[in-house]
Amino acid sequence: MEDEELRADASYAMQPEALGNFMETVRDLLLGCRATFVTLFDEPNGTRVFFNQVGEEVFVQVVSYPYMGEPSDWWTDAKLVWAARVSRQEFVRAFMRMVEELLSEHGTDGYTRNWCHAFPAEEWTALQTVYTLLR
């Protein structure tokens, strides 16, 4: 997983809380949640990332949806983009590093300028706290 990169877009106009939602999902995994997901809407398509956790391992599935306007249509032509079992710690470290790189490059003010919404500082602090306590 260290060298793999997967990109999924989320419309900041349609879903300004996408990064914060993802942070909450990662925090939930750290706290032992066995199954969760995060949805990234990107007008009209989107991506949903499913997490199923057993012990220290997380099964991650990334599904792309061509149309997310109506929930009843979501599975029409949905496509599995990526799936793998990963170490929870490795996944969380990679996610934390991604957010730290984002902040290093843009800072919270730059995040607001680029994405027209405030950086999810509360969610980031909560994730950092849990991450630090459970290391």
Protein backbone atom coordinates (compact mmCIF):
# COMPACT_ATOMS: atom_id res chain seq x y z
CA MET A 1 0.00 0.00 0.00
CA GLU A 2 2.92 2.32 0.64
CA ASP A 3 3.52 2.93 -3.08
CA GLU A 4 -0.09 2.81 -4.27
CA GLU A 5 -2.13 5.88 -4.99
CA LEU A 6 -5.82 6.04 -5.77
CA ARG A 7 -7.64 9.22 -6.62
CA ALA A 8 -11.31 9.96 -5.98
CA ASP A 9 -12.80 13.40 -6.46
CA ALA A 10 -15.42 15.11 -4.33
CA SER A 11 -17.20 18.28 -5.32
CA TYR A 12 -16.49 20.93 -2.70
CA ALA A 13 -19.60 22.77 -3.88
CA MET A 14 -21.82 19.73 -3.38
CA GLN A 15 -20.04 18.18 -0.40
CA PRO A 16 -17.82 20.61 1.52
CA GLU A 17 -17.64 18.20 4.46
CA ALA A 18 -16.03 15.35 2.43
CA LEU A 19 -12.60 15.55 4.07
CA GLY A 20 -14.10 15.90 7.54
CA ASN A 21 -16.35 12.89 6.89
CA PHE A 22 -13.35 10.86 5.80
CA MET A 23 -11.47 11.90 8.95
CA GLU A 24 -14.40 10.76 11.09
CA THR A 25 -14.47 7.41 9.28
CA VAL A 26 -10.75 6.85 9.87
CA ARG A 27 -11.20 7.81 13.54
CA ASP A 28 -14.06 5.30 13.83
CA LEU A 29 -11.81 2.56 12.42
CA LEU A 30 -9.16 3.41 15.01
CA LEU A 31 -11.80 3.15 17.72
CA GLY A 32 -12.70 -0.36 16.57
CA CYS A 33 -15.69 0.17 14.28
CA ARG A 34 -16.09 -3.05 12.30
CA ALA A 35 -17.90 -1.66 9.23
CA THR A 36 -18.25 1.86 7.89
CA PHE A 37 -18.10 3.80 4.65
CA VAL A 38 -17.58 7.28 3.28
CA THR A 39 -19.28 8.73 0.21
CA LEU A 40 -17.66 11.28 -2.07
CA PHE A 41 -20.17 13.04 -4.35
CA ASP A 42 -18.84 14.58 -7.58
CA GLU A 43 -21.81 15.80 -9.65
CA PRO A 44 -23.41 13.55 -10.97
CA ASN A 45 -21.05 10.67 -10.26
CA GLY A 46 -19.35 9.69 -7.05
CA THR A 47 -17.29 7.20 -5.13
CA ARG A 48 -18.03 5.21 -2.03
CA VAL A 49 -15.26 3.66 0.05
CA PHE A 50 -16.35 0.70 2.17
CA PHE A 51 -14.35 -0.48 5.19
CA ASN A 52 -14.76 -3.82 6.95
CA GLN A 53 -12.40 -4.39 9.86
CA VAL A 54 -11.38 -7.61 11.54
CA GLY A 55 -8.66 -7.32 14.15
CA GLU A 56 -5.79 -5.23 12.83
CA GLU A 57 -6.79 -5.69 9.18
CA VAL A 58 -9.19 -3.62 7.11
CA PHE A 59 -10.80 -4.78 3.87
CA VAL A 60 -11.20 -1.66 1.72
CA GLN A 61 -13.41 -1.53 -1.35
CA VAL A 62 -13.62 1.54 -3.58
CA VAL A 63 -16.71 1.63 -5.79
CA SER A 64 -17.32 4.20 -8.52
CA TYR A 65 -20.87 5.25 -9.36
CA PRO A 66 -21.65 7.00 -12.66
CA TYR A 67 -24.82 8.58 -11.28
CA MET A 68 -25.59 9.36 -7.65
CA GLY A 69 -28.67 11.50 -8.10
CA GLU A 70 -31.15 8.90 -6.88
CA PRO A 71 -30.12 6.26 -4.33
CA SER A 72 -32.20 3.64 -6.16
CA ASP A 73 -29.96 4.14 -9.23
CA TRP A 74 -26.60 4.10 -7.47
CA TRP A 75 -25.79 0.46 -8.20
CA THR A 76 -26.67 0.76 -11.89
CA ASP A 77 -23.31 0.47 -13.67
CA ALA A 78 -21.40 0.77 -10.38
CA LYS A 79 -17.83 -0.45 -10.77
CA LEU A 80 -15.38 -1.84 -8.24
CA VAL A 81 -12.28 0.30 -8.74
CA TRP A 82 -10.00 -1.16 -6.09
CA ALA A 83 -10.14 -3.65 -3.26
CA ALA A 84 -7.54 -4.98 -0.86
CA ARG A 85 -6.89 -6.06 2.68
CA VAL A 86 -4.59 -3.64 4.43
CA SER A 87 -3.12 -3.18 7.85
CA ARG A 88 -5.26 -0.69 9.77
CA GLN A 89 -2.14 1.04 11.08
CA GLU A 90 -0.62 1.27 7.60
CA PHE A 91 -3.84 2.70 6.17
CA VAL A 92 -4.26 5.22 9.00
CA ARG A 93 -0.61 6.31 8.73
CA ALA A 94 -1.02 6.86 4.98
CA PHE A 95 -4.20 8.88 5.53
CA MET A 96 -2.59 10.99 8.28
CA ARG A 97 0.44 11.63 6.06
CA MET A 98 -1.85 12.72 3.20
CA VAL A 99 -3.61 15.28 5.42
CA GLU A 100 -0.29 16.50 6.84
CA GLU A 101 1.05 16.99 3.30
CA LEU A 102 -2.11 18.88 2.36
CA LEU A 103 -1.66 21.18 5.36
CA SER A 104 2.05 21.57 4.71
CA GLU A 105 1.39 22.63 1.14
CA HIS A 106 -1.67 24.83 1.66
CA GLY A 107 -2.16 25.50 5.37
CA THR A 108 -5.65 26.06 6.73
CA ASP A 109 -5.96 29.47 5.04
CA GLY A 110 -4.84 28.02 1.70
CA TYR A 111 -7.31 25.17 2.14
CA THR A 112 -10.11 27.71 2.57
CA ARG A 113 -8.95 29.68 -0.50
CA ASN A 114 -8.63 26.57 -2.69
CA TRP A 115 -11.74 24.68 -1.58
CA CYS A 116 -13.96 27.61 -0.52
CA HIS A 117 -14.68 26.00 2.86
CA ALA A 118 -12.86 25.93 6.15
CA PHE A 119 -10.48 23.08 6.84
CA PRO A 120 -12.19 20.52 9.13
CA ALA A 121 -10.00 21.40 12.11
CA GLU A 122 -12.31 19.88 14.72
CA GLU A 123 -12.39 16.51 12.95
CA TRP A 124 -8.62 16.64 12.37
CA THR A 125 -7.95 17.33 16.06
CA ALA A 126 -10.26 14.46 17.09
CA LEU A 127 -8.51 12.07 14.69
CA GLN A 128 -5.05 13.17 15.86
CA THR A 129 -6.06 12.71 19.51
CA VAL A 130 -7.33 9.16 18.96
CA TYR A 131 -4.34 8.30 16.77
CA THR A 132 -1.90 9.53 19.43
CA LEU A 133 -3.69 7.73 22.27
CA LEU A 134 -3.84 4.40 20.46
CA ARG A 135 -0.30 4.28 19.06
